[in-house]
Amino acid sequence: MQIEVVKSKIHRVTVTGADLNYIGSITIDEALMEASNIIEGEKVQIVNVNNGERLETYAIKGAKNSGEITLNGPAARRVQRGDIIIIISYGIMDFEEAKNFKPSLIFPNEKDNSLT
């Protein structure tokens, strides 16, 4: 049997932008992507702490160490600059393998989205 488990999580970052006219996705600071083991194009779930919205999109790289977290396209209607969000990705694996799997969880500074 295979199950879906949390693979990566960026816990509580501040949205720096919302660009309704961009094609789609979420732009994430490359340093945060690397630290959380999220790759460009990967499907992610966005949970908005401010309003309870949940949505799915895909990740694209933002400038490294910029702190950028921008929701693009239709997702921009579900967030505002300054909202706190959680970014989660999931993986599918064998049930027994999942028992020992350790996800990549990071907890950036909410003020500037840095890892320090």
Protein backbone atom coordinates (compact mmCIF):
# COMPACT_ATOMS: atom_id res chain seq x y z
CA MET A 1 0.00 0.00 0.00
CA GLN A 2 1.16 3.54 -0.72
CA ILE A 3 0.22 6.62 1.24
CA GLU A 4 0.66 10.36 0.82
CA VAL A 5 2.77 12.07 3.50
CA VAL A 6 4.21 15.53 4.14
CA LYS A 7 7.49 15.81 2.21
CA SER A 8 8.34 19.48 2.74
CA LYS A 9 6.98 22.40 4.73
CA ILE A 10 7.81 26.08 4.89
CA HIS A 11 6.05 27.09 8.10
CA ARG A 12 4.68 30.62 8.46
CA VAL A 13 6.17 32.95 5.89
CA THR A 14 4.89 36.41 5.01
CA VAL A 15 3.42 37.03 1.57
CA THR A 16 5.43 39.79 -0.12
CA GLY A 17 3.27 40.10 -3.24
CA ALA A 18 0.18 39.02 -5.12
CA ASP A 19 0.32 39.35 -8.92
CA LEU A 20 -3.07 38.63 -10.46
CA ASN A 21 -1.81 39.14 -14.03
CA TYR A 22 1.03 36.61 -13.86
CA ILE A 23 0.42 33.24 -15.53
CA GLY A 24 0.13 31.34 -12.25
CA SER A 25 2.05 29.66 -9.42
CA ILE A 26 3.83 30.81 -6.28
CA THR A 27 7.24 32.45 -6.44
CA ILE A 28 9.39 31.32 -3.51
CA ASP A 29 12.84 32.57 -2.52
CA GLU A 30 15.29 30.01 -3.90
CA ALA A 31 17.03 29.70 -0.50
CA LEU A 32 13.73 28.66 1.09
CA MET A 33 13.09 26.16 -1.70
CA GLU A 34 16.51 24.59 -1.23
CA ALA A 35 16.21 24.44 2.55
CA SER A 36 12.77 22.82 2.38
CA ASN A 37 13.61 20.43 -0.48
CA ILE A 38 10.95 21.88 -2.81
CA ILE A 39 11.87 21.97 -6.50
CA GLU A 40 10.72 24.25 -9.28
CA GLY A 41 7.47 23.01 -10.80
CA GLU A 42 6.54 20.93 -7.77
CA LYS A 43 2.91 20.95 -6.70
CA VAL A 44 2.43 22.71 -3.36
CA GLN A 45 -0.48 23.43 -1.07
CA ILE A 46 -0.82 26.94 0.33
CA VAL A 47 -2.59 27.47 3.66
CA ASN A 48 -3.41 31.08 4.49
CA VAL A 49 -3.26 31.55 8.27
CA ASN A 50 -5.06 34.90 8.05
CA ASN A 51 -8.24 33.73 6.33
CA GLY A 52 -8.17 29.91 6.28
CA GLU A 53 -7.96 29.63 2.48
CA ARG A 54 -6.31 26.51 1.07
CA LEU A 55 -5.19 26.19 -2.52
CA GLU A 56 -2.86 24.19 -4.72
CA THR A 57 -0.40 25.54 -7.27
CA TYR A 58 3.21 24.93 -8.31
CA ALA A 59 6.47 26.46 -7.14
CA ILE A 60 8.79 28.70 -9.15
CA LYS A 61 12.13 30.08 -8.00
CA GLY A 62 12.44 33.62 -6.79
CA ALA A 63 15.72 35.45 -6.30
CA LYS A 64 17.92 33.72 -3.72
CA ASN A 65 17.87 35.34 -0.25
CA SER A 66 15.27 37.89 -1.40
CA GLY A 67 12.57 36.74 1.01
CA GLU A 68 10.11 36.75 -1.89
CA ILE A 69 6.82 34.90 -1.48
CA THR A 70 4.45 35.98 -4.28
CA LEU A 71 1.15 34.34 -5.19
CA ASN A 72 0.57 34.64 -8.93
CA GLY A 73 -2.47 34.39 -11.18
CA PRO A 74 -5.85 33.42 -9.70
CA ALA A 75 -4.23 32.52 -6.36
CA ALA A 76 -3.54 36.23 -5.90
CA ARG A 77 -7.25 36.66 -5.11
CA ARG A 78 -6.92 34.42 -2.05
CA VAL A 79 -4.05 36.23 -0.32
CA GLN A 80 -2.94 39.74 0.46
CA ARG A 81 0.52 41.13 0.91
CA GLY A 82 1.38 40.69 4.57
CA ASP A 83 -0.66 37.49 5.06
CA ILE A 84 1.07 34.62 6.82
CA ILE A 85 1.02 31.34 4.87
CA ILE A 86 2.26 27.78 5.21
CA ILE A 87 3.62 26.04 2.10
CA ILE A 88 3.38 22.24 2.07
CA SER A 89 4.33 19.57 -0.44
CA TYR A 90 3.49 15.89 -0.23
CA GLY A 91 5.08 12.68 -1.47
CA ILE A 92 3.66 9.25 -2.18
CA MET A 93 5.56 6.31 -0.77
CA ASP A 94 5.24 2.80 0.51
CA PHE A 95 3.53 2.55 3.88
CA GLU A 96 6.53 0.92 5.57
CA GLU A 97 8.96 3.45 4.08
CA ALA A 98 6.74 6.28 5.30
CA LYS A 99 7.09 5.12 8.91
CA ASN A 100 10.77 6.16 8.90
CA PHE A 101 10.59 9.10 6.48
CA LYS A 102 11.61 12.50 7.86
CA PRO A 103 10.16 15.51 6.01
CA SER A 104 12.10 18.73 5.39
CA LEU A 105 10.49 21.27 7.71
CA ILE A 106 11.75 24.84 7.96
CA PHE A 107 10.66 27.73 10.15
CA PRO A 108 11.80 31.03 8.60
CA ASN A 109 11.70 34.40 10.33
CA GLU A 110 8.20 35.76 9.64
CA LYS A 111 9.41 39.37 9.49
CA ASP A 112 11.71 38.96 6.47
CA ASN A 113 11.30 35.28 5.47
CA SER A 114 14.99 34.65 6.15
CA LEU A 115 16.41 31.40 7.48
CA THR A 116 18.31 33.13 10.28
